[in-house]
């Protein structure tokens, strides 16, 4: 999470979202754009974590139904 706030573009790059990382870097280059870029990266990271958590829950529910 700290990486998403300090270096938002790198947070996207590490997760394999190269084009999004480049767009974020362009936004981050401007001083005014750094804050929206950091918020964007942090929200994206939280959403990715929530998606993984939901996938695990769905998988566990399907196994319990059998």
C-alpha atoms as a PDB file:
ATOM      1  CA  UNK A   1       0.000   0.000   0.000  1.00  0.00           C
ATOM      2  CA  UNK A   2       2.876   2.352   0.764  1.00  0.00           C
ATOM      3  CA  UNK A   3       4.275   1.764  -2.721  1.00  0.00           C
ATOM      4  CA  UNK A   4       0.911   2.711  -4.244  1.00  0.00           C
ATOM      5  CA  UNK A   5       1.029   6.033  -2.397  1.00  0.00           C
ATOM      6  CA  UNK A   6       4.696   6.913  -2.915  1.00  0.00           C
ATOM      7  CA  UNK A   7       5.192   5.559  -6.454  1.00  0.00           C
ATOM      8  CA  UNK A   8       1.740   4.998  -7.937  1.00  0.00           C
ATOM      9  CA  UNK A   9       2.966   4.085 -11.421  1.00  0.00           C
ATOM     10  CA  UNK A  10       5.241   1.378 -10.020  1.00  0.00           C
ATOM     11  CA  UNK A  11       2.315  -0.215  -8.205  1.00  0.00           C
ATOM     12  CA  UNK A  12       0.589  -0.749 -11.560  1.00  0.00           C
ATOM     13  CA  UNK A  13       3.763  -1.930 -13.296  1.00  0.00           C
ATOM     14  CA  UNK A  14       4.465  -4.599 -10.662  1.00  0.00           C
ATOM     15  CA  UNK A  15       0.939  -5.976 -11.069  1.00  0.00           C
ATOM     16  CA  UNK A  16       1.435  -6.295 -14.835  1.00  0.00           C
ATOM     17  CA  UNK A  17      -0.660  -3.313 -15.903  1.00  0.00           C
ATOM     18  CA  UNK A  18       1.995  -1.665 -18.052  1.00  0.00           C
ATOM     19  CA  UNK A  19      -0.210   0.704 -20.085  1.00  0.00           C
ATOM     20  CA  UNK A  20      -2.064   1.828 -16.960  1.00  0.00           C
ATOM     21  CA  UNK A  21       1.302   2.364 -15.270  1.00  0.00           C
ATOM     22  CA  UNK A  22       2.479   4.591 -18.116  1.00  0.00           C
ATOM     23  CA  UNK A  23      -0.721   6.670 -17.987  1.00  0.00           C
ATOM     24  CA  UNK A  24      -0.321   6.937 -14.220  1.00  0.00           C
ATOM     25  CA  UNK A  25       3.316   8.009 -14.609  1.00  0.00           C
ATOM     26  CA  UNK A  26       2.312  10.768 -17.016  1.00  0.00           C
ATOM     27  CA  UNK A  27      -0.295  11.929 -14.501  1.00  0.00           C
ATOM     28  CA  UNK A  28       2.187  11.613 -11.637  1.00  0.00           C
ATOM     29  CA  UNK A  29       4.815  13.767 -13.363  1.00  0.00           C
ATOM     30  CA  UNK A  30       2.760  16.871 -12.726  1.00  0.00           C
ATOM     31  CA  UNK A  31       2.704  18.004  -9.118  1.00  0.00           C
ATOM     32  CA  UNK A  32      -1.071  18.449  -9.163  1.00  0.00           C
ATOM     33  CA  UNK A  33      -1.561  15.024 -10.766  1.00  0.00           C
ATOM     34  CA  UNK A  34       0.471  13.132  -8.176  1.00  0.00           C
ATOM     35  CA  UNK A  35      -2.322  13.096  -5.586  1.00  0.00           C
ATOM     36  CA  UNK A  36      -4.983  11.723  -7.978  1.00  0.00           C
ATOM     37  CA  UNK A  37      -2.449   9.164  -9.237  1.00  0.00           C
ATOM     38  CA  UNK A  38      -1.726   8.014  -5.685  1.00  0.00           C
ATOM     39  CA  UNK A  39      -5.431   7.736  -4.877  1.00  0.00           C
ATOM     40  CA  UNK A  40      -6.063   5.860  -8.131  1.00  0.00           C
ATOM     41  CA  UNK A  41      -3.257   3.375  -7.419  1.00  0.00           C
ATOM     42  CA  UNK A  42      -4.362   2.783  -3.823  1.00  0.00           C
ATOM     43  CA  UNK A  43      -8.007   2.204  -4.837  1.00  0.00           C
ATOM     44  CA  UNK A  44      -6.941  -0.099  -7.656  1.00  0.00           C
ATOM     45  CA  UNK A  45      -4.809  -2.143  -5.271  1.00  0.00           C
ATOM     46  CA  UNK A  46      -7.665  -2.440  -2.778  1.00  0.00           C
ATOM     47  CA  UNK A  47     -10.061  -3.511  -5.546  1.00  0.00           C
ATOM     48  CA  UNK A  48      -7.632  -6.173  -6.762  1.00  0.00           C
ATOM     49  CA  UNK A  49      -7.299  -7.541  -3.226  1.00  0.00           C
ATOM     50  CA  UNK A  50     -11.083  -7.582  -2.810  1.00  0.00           C
ATOM     51  CA  UNK A  51     -11.484  -9.416  -6.127  1.00  0.00           C
ATOM     52  CA  UNK A  52      -9.040 -12.116  -5.016  1.00  0.00           C
ATOM     53  CA  UNK A  53     -10.808 -12.448  -1.674  1.00  0.00           C
ATOM     54  CA  UNK A  54     -14.198 -12.769  -3.387  1.00  0.00           C
ATOM     55  CA  UNK A  55     -12.881 -15.412  -5.785  1.00  0.00           C
ATOM     56  CA  UNK A  56     -11.674 -17.476  -2.823  1.00  0.00           C
ATOM     57  CA  UNK A  57     -15.050 -17.153  -1.110  1.00  0.00           C
ATOM     58  CA  UNK A  58     -16.929 -18.200  -4.238  1.00  0.00           C
ATOM     59  CA  UNK A  59     -14.629 -21.174  -4.722  1.00  0.00           C
ATOM     60  CA  UNK A  60     -15.125 -22.249  -1.098  1.00  0.00           C
ATOM     61  CA  UNK A  61     -18.896 -21.909  -1.402  1.00  0.00           C
ATOM     62  CA  UNK A  62     -18.932 -24.051  -4.544  1.00  0.00           C
ATOM     63  CA  UNK A  63     -16.909 -26.759  -2.805  1.00  0.00           C
ATOM     64  CA  UNK A  64     -19.308 -26.762   0.146  1.00  0.00           C
ATOM     65  CA  UNK A  65     -22.297 -27.310  -2.126  1.00  0.00           C
ATOM     66  CA  UNK A  66     -20.964 -30.626  -3.374  1.00  0.00           C
END
